[in-house]
Amino acid sequence: MSLDYFFVLIALFVSLLLSLVISLASFFLGEKSPDKEKVSVYECGFDPFHAPGEPFSIRFFLIAILFLVFDLEITFLFPWSVASSLIDLTGQLIVVLFLVVLALGLVYEWLRGGLDWE
């Protein structure tokens, strides 16, 4: 086993051990007396406007999914933009295809009215 992998393995072991120790300490040392305030829904310091578990508008869900998709797109495009001169033509075409698929998905959602806020 290479020395580099050995240090990665040690770091992984130490982080797992530390996570386990902190989780167990929190479980055994924490208070276990739930009262009405601790188990109630927190809504920015106000009393809850609705009961928990009520359905909400699907538009919020669609906007959140679109945000996550385009946030992930940016995550993929940053390394590509830095190393674009090192990537061959096939890699460049794959990235362009990725962007085209995302753009078509956005146009489809837009035309279907998913981005129209009422």
PDB file of N, CA and C in Angstrom:
ATOM      1  N   MET A   1       0.849  -1.186   0.000  1.00  0.00           N
ATOM      2  CA  MET A   1       0.000   0.000   0.000  1.00  0.00           C
ATOM      3  C   MET A   1       0.886   1.236   0.000  1.00  0.00           C
ATOM      4  N   SER A   2       0.543   2.187  -0.834  1.00  0.00           N
ATOM      5  CA  SER A   2       1.309   3.411  -0.959  1.00  0.00           C
ATOM      6  C   SER A   2       1.206   4.245   0.319  1.00  0.00           C
ATOM      7  N   LEU A   3       2.230   5.029   0.575  1.00  0.00           N
ATOM      8  CA  LEU A   3       2.260   5.866   1.774  1.00  0.00           C
ATOM      9  C   LEU A   3       1.159   6.931   1.728  1.00  0.00           C
ATOM     10  N   ASP A   4       0.850   7.445   0.539  1.00  0.00           N
ATOM     11  CA  ASP A   4      -0.223   8.442   0.413  1.00  0.00           C
ATOM     12  C   ASP A   4      -1.568   7.857   0.819  1.00  0.00           C
ATOM     13  N   TYR A   5      -1.840   6.642   0.362  1.00  0.00           N
ATOM     14  CA  TYR A   5      -3.101   5.994   0.722  1.00  0.00           C
ATOM     15  C   TYR A   5      -3.158   5.683   2.212  1.00  0.00           C
ATOM     16  N   PHE A   6      -2.020   5.406   2.803  1.00  0.00           N
ATOM     17  CA  PHE A   6      -1.974   5.120   4.235  1.00  0.00           C
ATOM     18  C   PHE A   6      -2.415   6.344   5.032  1.00  0.00           C
ATOM     19  N   PHE A   7      -1.941   7.522   4.647  1.00  0.00           N
ATOM     20  CA  PHE A   7      -2.329   8.743   5.355  1.00  0.00           C
ATOM     21  C   PHE A   7      -3.806   9.075   5.136  1.00  0.00           C
ATOM     22  N   VAL A   8      -4.318   8.802   3.956  1.00  0.00           N
ATOM     23  CA  VAL A   8      -5.743   9.003   3.702  1.00  0.00           C
ATOM     24  C   VAL A   8      -6.560   8.058   4.563  1.00  0.00           C
ATOM     25  N   LEU A   9      -6.112   6.823   4.681  1.00  0.00           N
ATOM     26  CA  LEU A   9      -6.799   5.843   5.515  1.00  0.00           C
ATOM     27  C   LEU A   9      -6.779   6.261   6.984  1.00  0.00           C
ATOM     28  N   ILE A  10      -5.666   6.776   7.448  1.00  0.00           N
ATOM     29  CA  ILE A  10      -5.579   7.253   8.835  1.00  0.00           C
ATOM     30  C   ILE A  10      -6.527   8.439   9.046  1.00  0.00           C
ATOM     31  N   ALA A  11      -6.555   9.384   8.110  1.00  0.00           N
ATOM     32  CA  ALA A  11      -7.449  10.540   8.234  1.00  0.00           C
ATOM     33  C   ALA A  11      -8.909  10.096   8.235  1.00  0.00           C
ATOM     34  N   LEU A  12      -9.244   9.136   7.397  1.00  0.00           N
ATOM     35  CA  LEU A  12     -10.606   8.615   7.359  1.00  0.00           C
ATOM     36  C   LEU A  12     -10.965   7.938   8.676  1.00  0.00           C
ATOM     37  N   PHE A  13     -10.066   7.142   9.199  1.00  0.00           N
ATOM     38  CA  PHE A  13     -10.306   6.453  10.464  1.00  0.00           C
ATOM     39  C   PHE A  13     -10.474   7.447  11.609  1.00  0.00           C
ATOM     40  N   VAL A  14      -9.611   8.453  11.675  1.00  0.00           N
ATOM     41  CA  VAL A  14      -9.694   9.450  12.744  1.00  0.00           C
ATOM     42  C   VAL A  14     -11.003  10.237  12.643  1.00  0.00           C
ATOM     43  N   SER A  15     -11.408  10.610  11.435  1.00  0.00           N
ATOM     44  CA  SER A  15     -12.654  11.370  11.297  1.00  0.00           C
ATOM     45  C   SER A  15     -13.867  10.521  11.660  1.00  0.00           C
ATOM     46  N   LEU A  16     -13.874   9.254  11.285  1.00  0.00           N
ATOM     47  CA  LEU A  16     -14.977   8.379  11.671  1.00  0.00           C
ATOM     48  C   LEU A  16     -15.015   8.162  13.178  1.00  0.00           C
ATOM     49  N   LEU A  17     -13.857   7.966  13.779  1.00  0.00           N
ATOM     50  CA  LEU A  17     -13.787   7.770  15.223  1.00  0.00           C
ATOM     51  C   LEU A  17     -14.250   9.024  15.963  1.00  0.00           C
ATOM     52  N   LEU A  18     -13.813  10.177  15.511  1.00  0.00           N
ATOM     53  CA  LEU A  18     -14.217  11.430  16.145  1.00  0.00           C
ATOM     54  C   LEU A  18     -15.721  11.663  15.993  1.00  0.00           C
ATOM     55  N   SER A  19     -16.267  11.371  14.822  1.00  0.00           N
ATOM     56  CA  SER A  19     -17.713  11.510  14.616  1.00  0.00           C
ATOM     57  C   SER A  19     -18.491  10.585  15.534  1.00  0.00           C
ATOM     58  N   LEU A  20     -18.020   9.365  15.675  1.00  0.00           N
ATOM     59  CA  LEU A  20     -18.687   8.404  16.543  1.00  0.00           C
ATOM     60  C   LEU A  20     -18.631   8.847  18.002  1.00  0.00           C
ATOM     61  N   VAL A  21     -17.485   9.321  18.454  1.00  0.00           N
ATOM     62  CA  VAL A  21     -17.339   9.761  19.845  1.00  0.00           C
ATOM     63  C   VAL A  21     -18.247  10.961  20.127  1.00  0.00           C
ATOM     64  N   ILE A  22     -18.289  11.924  19.221  1.00  0.00           N
ATOM     65  CA  ILE A  22     -19.129  13.105  19.428  1.00  0.00           C
ATOM     66  C   ILE A  22     -20.606  12.727  19.416  1.00  0.00           C
ATOM     67  N   SER A  23     -21.007  11.850  18.507  1.00  0.00           N
ATOM     68  CA  SER A  23     -22.411  11.424  18.451  1.00  0.00           C
ATOM     69  C   SER A  23     -22.818  10.673  19.709  1.00  0.00           C
ATOM     70  N   LEU A  24     -21.973   9.772  20.164  1.00  0.00           N
ATOM     71  CA  LEU A  24     -22.296   9.021  21.377  1.00  0.00           C
ATOM     72  C   LEU A  24     -22.321   9.921  22.605  1.00  0.00           C
ATOM     73  N   ALA A  25     -21.387  10.868  22.686  1.00  0.00           N
ATOM     74  CA  ALA A  25     -21.384  11.797  23.818  1.00  0.00           C
ATOM     75  C   ALA A  25     -22.654  12.643  23.818  1.00  0.00           C
ATOM     76  N   SER A  26     -23.082  13.092  22.667  1.00  0.00           N
ATOM     77  CA  SER A  26     -24.315  13.866  22.577  1.00  0.00           C
ATOM     78  C   SER A  26     -25.520  13.029  22.975  1.00  0.00           C
ATOM     79  N   PHE A  27     -25.534  11.772  22.567  1.00  0.00           N
ATOM     80  CA  PHE A  27     -26.666  10.907  22.882  1.00  0.00           C
ATOM     81  C   PHE A  27     -26.749  10.627  24.381  1.00  0.00           C
ATOM     82  N   PHE A  28     -25.621  10.329  25.009  1.00  0.00           N
ATOM     83  CA  PHE A  28     -25.638   9.949  26.420  1.00  0.00           C
ATOM     84  C   PHE A  28     -25.658  11.143  27.367  1.00  0.00           C
ATOM     85  N   LEU A  29     -25.103  12.268  26.973  1.00  0.00           N
ATOM     86  CA  LEU A  29     -25.027  13.420  27.868  1.00  0.00           C
ATOM     87  C   LEU A  29     -26.143  14.436  27.652  1.00  0.00           C
ATOM     88  N   GLY A  30     -26.856  14.340  26.551  1.00  0.00           N
ATOM     89  CA  GLY A  30     -27.918  15.299  26.253  1.00  0.00           C
ATOM     90  C   GLY A  30     -29.155  15.064  27.092  1.00  0.00           C
ATOM     91  N   GLU A  31     -29.953  16.135  27.249  1.00  0.00           N
ATOM     92  CA  GLU A  31     -31.196  16.014  28.000  1.00  0.00           C
ATOM     93  C   GLU A  31     -32.223  15.244  27.185  1.00  0.00           C
ATOM     94  N   LYS A  32     -33.011  14.466  27.891  1.00  0.00           N
ATOM     95  CA  LYS A  32     -34.026  13.660  27.223  1.00  0.00           C
ATOM     96  C   LYS A  32     -35.407  13.973  27.786  1.00  0.00           C
ATOM     97  N   SER A  33     -35.689  15.244  27.948  1.00  0.00           N
ATOM     98  CA  SER A  33     -36.985  15.631  28.507  1.00  0.00           C
ATOM     99  C   SER A  33     -37.732  16.509  27.508  1.00  0.00           C
ATOM    100  N   PRO A  34     -38.341  15.897  26.495  1.00  0.00           N
ATOM    101  CA  PRO A  34     -39.074  16.715  25.532  1.00  0.00           C
ATOM    102  C   PRO A  34     -40.335  17.304  26.159  1.00  0.00           C
ATOM    103  N   ASP A  35     -40.543  18.577  25.950  1.00  0.00           N
ATOM    104  CA  ASP A  35     -41.769  19.209  26.407  1.00  0.00           C
ATOM    105  C   ASP A  35     -42.518  19.747  25.182  1.00  0.00           C
ATOM    106  N   LYS A  36     -43.600  20.462  25.437  1.00  0.00           N
ATOM    107  CA  LYS A  36     -44.443  20.925  24.338  1.00  0.00           C
ATOM    108  C   LYS A  36     -43.688  21.852  23.388  1.00  0.00           C
ATOM    109  N   GLU A  37     -42.840  22.698  23.919  1.00  0.00           N
ATOM    110  CA  GLU A  37     -42.111  23.643  23.077  1.00  0.00           C
ATOM    111  C   GLU A  37     -41.037  22.949  22.241  1.00  0.00           C
ATOM    112  N   LYS A  38     -40.392  21.930  22.803  1.00  0.00           N
ATOM    113  CA  LYS A  38     -39.314  21.263  22.073  1.00  0.00           C
ATOM    114  C   LYS A  38     -39.817  20.426  20.913  1.00  0.00           C
ATOM    115  N   VAL A  39     -40.995  19.870  21.026  1.00  0.00           N
ATOM    116  CA  VAL A  39     -41.504  19.012  19.961  1.00  0.00           C
ATOM    117  C   VAL A  39     -42.427  19.755  19.004  1.00  0.00           C
ATOM    118  N   SER A  40     -42.666  21.050  19.238  1.00  0.00           N
ATOM    119  CA  SER A  40     -43.535  21.806  18.338  1.00  0.00           C
ATOM    120  C   SER A  40     -42.739  22.251  17.111  1.00  0.00           C
ATOM    121  N   VAL A  41     -43.464  22.624  16.077  1.00  0.00           N
ATOM    122  CA  VAL A  41     -42.851  23.077  14.835  1.00  0.00           C
ATOM    123  C   VAL A  41     -42.320  24.487  15.038  1.00  0.00           C
ATOM    124  N   TYR A  42     -41.077  24.734  14.631  1.00  0.00           N
ATOM    125  CA  TYR A  42     -40.489  26.063  14.747  1.00  0.00           C
ATOM    126  C   TYR A  42     -40.750  26.832  13.466  1.00  0.00           C
ATOM    127  N   GLU A  43     -41.312  28.018  13.597  1.00  0.00           N
ATOM    128  CA  GLU A  43     -41.608  28.829  12.425  1.00  0.00           C
ATOM    129  C   GLU A  43     -41.158  30.258  12.688  1.00  0.00           C
ATOM    130  N   CYS A  44     -39.860  30.473  12.703  1.00  0.00           N
ATOM    131  CA  CYS A  44     -39.253  31.800  12.825  1.00  0.00           C
ATOM    132  C   CYS A  44     -39.692  32.547  14.079  1.00  0.00           C
ATOM    133  N   GLY A  45     -39.900  31.860  15.165  1.00  0.00           N
ATOM    134  CA  GLY A  45     -40.264  32.499  16.409  1.00  0.00           C
ATOM    135  C   GLY A  45     -41.742  32.754  16.582  1.00  0.00           C
ATOM    136  N   PHE A  46     -42.536  32.521  15.563  1.00  0.00           N
ATOM    137  CA  PHE A  46     -43.986  32.714  15.644  1.00  0.00           C
ATOM    138  C   PHE A  46     -44.660  31.383  15.937  1.00  0.00           C
ATOM    139  N   ASP A  47     -45.910  31.467  16.366  1.00  0.00           N
ATOM    140  CA  ASP A  47     -46.698  30.247  16.471  1.00  0.00           C
ATOM    141  C   ASP A  47     -46.933  29.720  15.059  1.00  0.00           C
ATOM    142  N   PRO A  48     -46.944  28.414  14.889  1.00  0.00           N
ATOM    143  CA  PRO A  48     -47.119  27.865  13.533  1.00  0.00           C
ATOM    144  C   PRO A  48     -48.442  28.305  12.918  1.00  0.00           C
ATOM    145  N   PHE A  49     -48.390  28.669  11.642  1.00  0.00           N
ATOM    146  CA  PHE A  49     -49.590  29.102  10.932  1.00  0.00           C
ATOM    147  C   PHE A  49     -50.440  27.914  10.498  1.00  0.00           C
ATOM    148  N   HIS A  50     -49.797  26.807  10.204  1.00  0.00           N
ATOM    149  CA  HIS A  50     -50.493  25.612   9.740  1.00  0.00           C
ATOM    150  C   HIS A  50     -50.003  24.420  10.552  1.00  0.00           C
ATOM    151  N   ALA A  51     -50.807  23.386  10.576  1.00  0.00           N
ATOM    152  CA  ALA A  51     -50.388  22.154  11.242  1.00  0.00           C
ATOM    153  C   ALA A  51     -49.290  21.494  10.410  1.00  0.00           C
ATOM    154  N   PRO A  52     -48.329  20.844  11.059  1.00  0.00           N
ATOM    155  CA  PRO A  52     -47.274  20.184  10.290  1.00  0.00           C
ATOM    156  C   PRO A  52     -47.844  19.033   9.471  1.00  0.00           C
ATOM    157  N   GLY A  53     -47.274  18.829   8.319  1.00  0.00           N
ATOM    158  CA  GLY A  53     -47.714  17.743   7.468  1.00  0.00           C
ATOM    159  C   GLY A  53     -48.780  18.127   6.474  1.00  0.00           C
ATOM    160  N   GLU A  54     -49.231  19.389   6.507  1.00  0.00           N
ATOM    161  CA  GLU A  54     -50.211  19.820   5.519  1.00  0.00           C
ATOM    162  C   GLU A  54     -49.527  19.944   4.162  1.00  0.00           C
ATOM    163  N   PRO A  55     -50.252  19.677   3.097  1.00  0.00           N
ATOM    164  CA  PRO A  55     -49.641  19.805   1.771  1.00  0.00           C
ATOM    165  C   PRO A  55     -49.317  21.263   1.456  1.00  0.00           C
ATOM    166  N   PHE A  56     -48.294  21.457   0.651  1.00  0.00           N
ATOM    167  CA  PHE A  56     -47.916  22.799   0.241  1.00  0.00           C
ATOM    168  C   PHE A  56     -47.931  22.869  -1.283  1.00  0.00           C
ATOM    169  N   SER A  57     -47.792  24.057  -1.785  1.00  0.00           N
ATOM    170  CA  SER A  57     -47.853  24.266  -3.225  1.00  0.00           C
ATOM    171  C   SER A  57     -46.707  23.537  -3.911  1.00  0.00           C
ATOM    172  N   ILE A  58     -47.014  22.857  -4.992  1.00  0.00           N
ATOM    173  CA  ILE A  58     -45.998  22.114  -5.731  1.00  0.00           C
ATOM    174  C   ILE A  58     -45.031  23.063  -6.430  1.00  0.00           C
ATOM    175  N   ARG A  59     -45.422  24.325  -6.594  1.00  0.00           N
ATOM    176  CA  ARG A  59     -44.531  25.298  -7.244  1.00  0.00           C
ATOM    177  C   ARG A  59     -43.260  25.513  -6.427  1.00  0.00           C
ATOM    178  N   PHE A  60     -43.374  25.505  -5.104  1.00  0.00           N
ATOM    179  CA  PHE A  60     -42.178  25.628  -4.270  1.00  0.00           C
ATOM    180  C   PHE A  60     -41.231  24.469  -4.536  1.00  0.00           C
ATOM    181  N   PHE A  61     -41.790  23.286  -4.660  1.00  0.00           N
ATOM    182  CA  PHE A  61     -40.988  22.097  -4.914  1.00  0.00           C
ATOM    183  C   PHE A  61     -40.301  22.187  -6.274  1.00  0.00           C
ATOM    184  N   LEU A  62     -41.020  22.633  -7.302  1.00  0.00           N
ATOM    185  CA  LEU A  62     -40.432  22.745  -8.636  1.00  0.00           C
ATOM    186  C   LEU A  62     -39.298  23.766  -8.666  1.00  0.00           C
ATOM    187  N   ILE A  63     -39.494  24.889  -8.009  1.00  0.00           N
ATOM    188  CA  ILE A  63     -38.443  25.905  -7.972  1.00  0.00           C
ATOM    189  C   ILE A  63     -37.230  25.376  -7.216  1.00  0.00           C
ATOM    190  N   ALA A  64     -37.455  24.647  -6.135  1.00  0.00           N
ATOM    191  CA  ALA A  64     -36.336  24.081  -5.377  1.00  0.00           C
ATOM    192  C   ALA A  64     -35.573  23.060  -6.208  1.00  0.00           C
ATOM    193  N   ILE A  65     -36.279  22.216  -6.947  1.00  0.00           N
ATOM    194  CA  ILE A  65     -35.613  21.231  -7.796  1.00  0.00           C
ATOM    195  C   ILE A  65     -34.815  21.926  -8.898  1.00  0.00           C
ATOM    196  N   LEU A  66     -35.395  22.957  -9.515  1.00  0.00           N
ATOM    197  CA  LEU A  66     -34.659  23.698 -10.541  1.00  0.00           C
ATOM    198  C   LEU A  66     -33.414  24.357  -9.959  1.00  0.00           C
ATOM    199  N   PHE A  67     -33.539  24.902  -8.757  1.00  0.00           N
ATOM    200  CA  PHE A  67     -32.370  25.497  -8.118  1.00  0.00           C
ATOM    201  C   PHE A  67     -31.277  24.453  -7.912  1.00  0.00           C
ATOM    202  N   LEU A  68     -31.651  23.276  -7.426  1.00  0.00           N
ATOM    203  CA  LEU A  68     -30.652  22.235  -7.196  1.00  0.00           C
ATOM    204  C   LEU A  68     -30.002  21.776  -8.493  1.00  0.00           C
ATOM    205  N   VAL A  69     -30.784  21.647  -9.547  1.00  0.00           N
ATOM    206  CA  VAL A  69     -30.229  21.214 -10.837  1.00  0.00           C
ATOM    207  C   VAL A  69     -29.218  22.230 -11.349  1.00  0.00           C
ATOM    208  N   PHE A  70     -29.553  23.506 -11.304  1.00  0.00           N
ATOM    209  CA  PHE A  70     -28.633  24.505 -11.833  1.00  0.00           C
ATOM    210  C   PHE A  70     -27.477  24.777 -10.872  1.00  0.00           C
ATOM    211  N   ASP A  71     -27.674  24.548  -9.607  1.00  0.00           N
ATOM    212  CA  ASP A  71     -26.561  24.624  -8.669  1.00  0.00           C
ATOM    213  C   ASP A  71     -25.565  23.506  -8.952  1.00  0.00           C
ATOM    214  N   LEU A  72     -26.069  22.335  -9.240  1.00  0.00           N
ATOM    215  CA  LEU A  72     -25.203  21.213  -9.605  1.00  0.00           C
ATOM    216  C   LEU A  72     -24.511  21.480 -10.934  1.00  0.00           C
ATOM    217  N   GLU A  73     -25.195  22.135 -11.841  1.00  0.00           N
ATOM    218  CA  GLU A  73     -24.578  22.492 -13.120  1.00  0.00           C
ATOM    219  C   GLU A  73     -23.373  23.398 -12.892  1.00  0.00           C
ATOM    220  N   ILE A  74     -23.526  24.381 -12.045  1.00  0.00           N
ATOM    221  CA  ILE A  74     -22.413  25.287 -11.751  1.00  0.00           C
ATOM    222  C   ILE A  74     -21.257  24.519 -11.116  1.00  0.00           C
ATOM    223  N   THR A  75     -21.586  23.554 -10.273  1.00  0.00           N
ATOM    224  CA  THR A  75     -20.549  22.738  -9.642  1.00  0.00           C
ATOM    225  C   THR A  75     -19.754  21.963 -10.688  1.00  0.00           C
ATOM    226  N   PHE A  76     -20.418  21.506 -11.734  1.00  0.00           N
ATOM    227  CA  PHE A  76     -19.717  20.796 -12.805  1.00  0.00           C
ATOM    228  C   PHE A  76     -18.969  21.745 -13.739  1.00  0.00           C
ATOM    229  N   LEU A  77     -19.477  22.960 -13.915  1.00  0.00           N
ATOM    230  CA  LEU A  77     -18.866  23.873 -14.873  1.00  0.00           C
ATOM    231  C   LEU A  77     -17.627  24.586 -14.336  1.00  0.00           C
ATOM    232  N   PHE A  78     -17.513  24.773 -13.041  1.00  0.00           N
ATOM    233  CA  PHE A  78     -16.320  25.431 -12.509  1.00  0.00           C
ATOM    234  C   PHE A  78     -15.041  24.661 -12.832  1.00  0.00           C
ATOM    235  N   PRO A  79     -14.954  23.365 -12.527  1.00  0.00           N
ATOM    236  CA  PRO A  79     -13.718  22.649 -12.883  1.00  0.00           C
ATOM    237  C   PRO A  79     -13.493  22.598 -14.398  1.00  0.00           C
ATOM    238  N   TRP A  80     -14.563  22.493 -15.168  1.00  0.00           N
ATOM    239  CA  TRP A  80     -14.415  22.464 -16.618  1.00  0.00           C
ATOM    240  C   TRP A  80     -13.844  23.786 -17.132  1.00  0.00           C
ATOM    241  N   SER A  81     -14.316  24.902 -16.581  1.00  0.00           N
ATOM    242  CA  SER A  81     -13.830  26.196 -17.062  1.00  0.00           C
ATOM    243  C   SER A  81     -12.362  26.410 -16.717  1.00  0.00           C
ATOM    244  N   VAL A  82     -11.929  25.857 -15.597  1.00  0.00           N
ATOM    245  CA  VAL A  82     -10.525  26.004 -15.214  1.00  0.00           C
ATOM    246  C   VAL A  82      -9.635  25.139 -16.097  1.00  0.00           C
ATOM    247  N   ALA A  83     -10.094  23.929 -16.402  1.00  0.00           N
ATOM    248  CA  ALA A  83      -9.268  22.983 -17.148  1.00  0.00           C
ATOM    249  C   ALA A  83      -9.728  22.820 -18.590  1.00  0.00           C
ATOM    250  N   SER A  84     -10.439  23.786 -19.142  1.00  0.00           N
ATOM    251  CA  SER A  84     -10.983  23.618 -20.494  1.00  0.00           C
ATOM    252  C   SER A  84      -9.889  23.508 -21.547  1.00  0.00           C
ATOM    253  N   SER A  85      -8.737  24.111 -21.311  1.00  0.00           N
ATOM    254  CA  SER A  85      -7.656  23.999 -22.293  1.00  0.00           C
ATOM    255  C   SER A  85      -6.995  22.621 -22.263  1.00  0.00           C
ATOM    256  N   LEU A  86      -7.182  21.875 -21.188  1.00  0.00           N
ATOM    257  CA  LEU A  86      -6.576  20.549 -21.072  1.00  0.00           C
ATOM    258  C   LEU A  86      -7.489  19.433 -21.551  1.00  0.00           C
ATOM    259  N   ILE A  87      -8.755  19.748 -21.808  1.00  0.00           N
ATOM    260  CA  ILE A  87      -9.729  18.729 -22.188  1.00  0.00           C
ATOM    261  C   ILE A  87      -9.768  18.627 -23.710  1.00  0.00           C
ATOM    262  N   ASP A  88      -9.806  17.400 -24.218  1.00  0.00           N
ATOM    263  CA  ASP A  88      -9.833  17.200 -25.665  1.00  0.00           C
ATOM    264  C   ASP A  88     -11.217  17.519 -26.236  1.00  0.00           C
ATOM    265  N   LEU A  89     -11.358  17.347 -27.533  1.00  0.00           N
ATOM    266  CA  LEU A  89     -12.597  17.704 -28.220  1.00  0.00           C
ATOM    267  C   LEU A  89     -13.780  16.879 -27.730  1.00  0.00           C
ATOM    268  N   THR A  90     -13.567  15.610 -27.431  1.00  0.00           N
ATOM    269  CA  THR A  90     -14.653  14.761 -26.938  1.00  0.00           C
ATOM    270  C   THR A  90     -15.186  15.282 -25.607  1.00  0.00           C
ATOM    271  N   GLY A  91     -14.293  15.655 -24.711  1.00  0.00           N
ATOM    272  CA  GLY A  91     -14.716  16.209 -23.425  1.00  0.00           C
ATOM    273  C   GLY A  91     -15.462  17.513 -23.589  1.00  0.00           C
ATOM    274  N   GLN A  92     -15.006  18.346 -24.521  1.00  0.00           N
ATOM    275  CA  GLN A  92     -15.695  19.613 -24.779  1.00  0.00           C
ATOM    276  C   GLN A  92     -17.105  19.368 -25.314  1.00  0.00           C
ATOM    277  N   LEU A  93     -17.241  18.390 -26.213  1.00  0.00           N
ATOM    278  CA  LEU A  93     -18.558  18.082 -26.769  1.00  0.00           C
ATOM    279  C   LEU A  93     -19.499  17.519 -25.710  1.00  0.00           C
ATOM    280  N   ILE A  94     -18.969  16.748 -24.786  1.00  0.00           N
ATOM    281  CA  ILE A  94     -19.797  16.212 -23.700  1.00  0.00           C
ATOM    282  C   ILE A  94     -20.334  17.348 -22.835  1.00  0.00           C
ATOM    283  N   VAL A  95     -19.495  18.323 -22.538  1.00  0.00           N
ATOM    284  CA  VAL A  95     -19.937  19.460 -21.729  1.00  0.00           C
ATOM    285  C   VAL A  95     -20.986  20.279 -22.484  1.00  0.00           C
ATOM    286  N   VAL A  96     -20.780  20.478 -23.779  1.00  0.00           N
ATOM    287  CA  VAL A  96     -21.763  21.220 -24.575  1.00  0.00           C
ATOM    288  C   VAL A  96     -23.085  20.458 -24.616  1.00  0.00           C
ATOM    289  N   LEU A  97     -23.036  19.140 -24.773  1.00  0.00           N
ATOM    290  CA  LEU A  97     -24.252  18.330 -24.756  1.00  0.00           C
ATOM    291  C   LEU A  97     -24.961  18.441 -23.408  1.00  0.00           C
ATOM    292  N   PHE A  98     -24.197  18.442 -22.324  1.00  0.00           N
ATOM    293  CA  PHE A  98     -24.748  18.612 -20.980  1.00  0.00           C
ATOM    294  C   PHE A  98     -25.484  19.945 -20.863  1.00  0.00           C
ATOM    295  N   LEU A  99     -24.874  21.008 -21.377  1.00  0.00           N
ATOM    296  CA  LEU A  99     -25.503  22.328 -21.322  1.00  0.00           C
ATOM    297  C   LEU A  99     -26.745  22.400 -22.204  1.00  0.00           C
ATOM    298  N   VAL A 100     -26.710  21.745 -23.356  1.00  0.00           N
ATOM    299  CA  VAL A 100     -27.875  21.741 -24.243  1.00  0.00           C
ATOM    300  C   VAL A 100     -29.043  21.017 -23.585  1.00  0.00           C
ATOM    301  N   VAL A 101     -28.776  19.877 -22.953  1.00  0.00           N
ATOM    302  CA  VAL A 101     -29.843  19.135 -22.276  1.00  0.00           C
ATOM    303  C   VAL A 101     -30.443  19.976 -21.151  1.00  0.00           C
ATOM    304  N   LEU A 102     -29.606  20.655 -20.378  1.00  0.00           N
ATOM    305  CA  LEU A 102     -30.125  21.521 -19.313  1.00  0.00           C
ATOM    306  C   LEU A 102     -30.930  22.685 -19.884  1.00  0.00           C
ATOM    307  N   ALA A 103     -30.457  23.276 -20.966  1.00  0.00           N
ATOM    308  CA  ALA A 103     -31.187  24.392 -21.570  1.00  0.00           C
ATOM    309  C   ALA A 103     -32.530  23.926 -22.120  1.00  0.00           C
ATOM    310  N   LEU A 104     -32.562  22.763 -22.757  1.00  0.00           N
ATOM    311  CA  LEU A 104     -33.829  22.236 -23.267  1.00  0.00           C
ATOM    312  C   LEU A 104     -34.802  21.936 -22.124  1.00  0.00           C
ATOM    313  N   GLY A 105     -34.287  21.412 -21.025  1.00  0.00           N
ATOM    314  CA  GLY A 105     -35.136  21.165 -19.863  1.00  0.00           C
ATOM    315  C   GLY A 105     -35.703  22.447 -19.288  1.00  0.00           C
ATOM    316  N   LEU A 106     -34.891  23.489 -19.249  1.00  0.00           N
ATOM    317  CA  LEU A 106     -35.360  24.783 -18.748  1.00  0.00           C
ATOM    318  C   LEU A 106     -36.423  25.375 -19.674  1.00  0.00           C
ATOM    319  N   VAL A 107     -36.191  25.306 -20.980  1.00  0.00           N
ATOM    320  CA  VAL A 107     -37.176  25.824 -21.938  1.00  0.00           C
ATOM    321  C   VAL A 107     -38.476  25.037 -21.832  1.00  0.00           C
ATOM    322  N   TYR A 108     -38.390  23.725 -21.703  1.00  0.00           N
ATOM    323  CA  TYR A 108     -39.586  22.894 -21.561  1.00  0.00           C
ATOM    324  C   TYR A 108     -40.373  23.296 -20.314  1.00  0.00           C
ATOM    325  N   GLU A 109     -39.671  23.469 -19.207  1.00  0.00           N
ATOM    326  CA  GLU A 109     -40.334  23.857 -17.954  1.00  0.00           C
ATOM    327  C   GLU A 109     -40.961  25.242 -18.083  1.00  0.00           C
ATOM    328  N   TRP A 110     -40.267  26.131 -18.757  1.00  0.00           N
ATOM    329  CA  TRP A 110     -40.763  27.484 -18.952  1.00  0.00           C
ATOM    330  C   TRP A 110     -42.026  27.487 -19.817  1.00  0.00           C
ATOM    331  N   LEU A 111     -42.000  26.725 -20.922  1.00  0.00           N
ATOM    332  CA  LEU A 111     -43.162  26.672 -21.812  1.00  0.00           C
ATOM    333  C   LEU A 111     -44.355  25.981 -21.166  1.00  0.00           C
ATOM    334  N   ARG A 112     -44.107  25.042 -20.282  1.00  0.00           N
ATOM    335  CA  ARG A 112     -45.196  24.349 -19.585  1.00  0.00           C
ATOM    336  C   ARG A 112     -45.798  25.198 -18.468  1.00  0.00           C
ATOM    337  N   GLY A 113     -45.166  26.329 -18.155  1.00  0.00           N
ATOM    338  CA  GLY A 113     -45.704  27.230 -17.138  1.00  0.00           C
ATOM    339  C   GLY A 113     -45.205  26.932 -15.738  1.00  0.00           C
ATOM    340  N   GLY A 114     -44.171  26.146 -15.629  1.00  0.00           N
ATOM    341  CA  GLY A 114     -43.651  25.807 -14.309  1.00  0.00           C
ATOM    342  C   GLY A 114     -42.966  26.959 -13.610  1.00  0.00           C
ATOM    343  N   LEU A 115     -42.555  27.964 -14.372  1.00  0.00           N
ATOM    344  CA  LEU A 115     -41.880  29.116 -13.774  1.00  0.00           C
ATOM    345  C   LEU A 115     -42.797  30.321 -13.624  1.00  0.00           C
ATOM    346  N   ASP A 116     -44.038  30.211 -14.074  1.00  0.00           N
ATOM    347  CA  ASP A 116     -45.000  31.305 -13.916  1.00  0.00           C
ATOM    348  C   ASP A 116     -45.548  31.290 -12.499  1.00  0.00           C
ATOM    349  N   TRP A 117     -45.262  32.354 -11.776  1.00  0.00           N
ATOM    350  CA  TRP A 117     -45.715  32.425 -10.388  1.00  0.00           C
ATOM    351  C   TRP A 117     -47.062  33.128 -10.347  1.00  0.00           C
ATOM    352  N   GLU A 118     -48.037  32.500  -9.714  1.00  0.00           N
ATOM    353  CA  GLU A 118     -49.385  33.065  -9.671  1.00  0.00           C
ATOM    354  C   GLU A 118     -49.690  33.618  -8.303  1.00  0.00           C
TER     355      GLU A 118
END
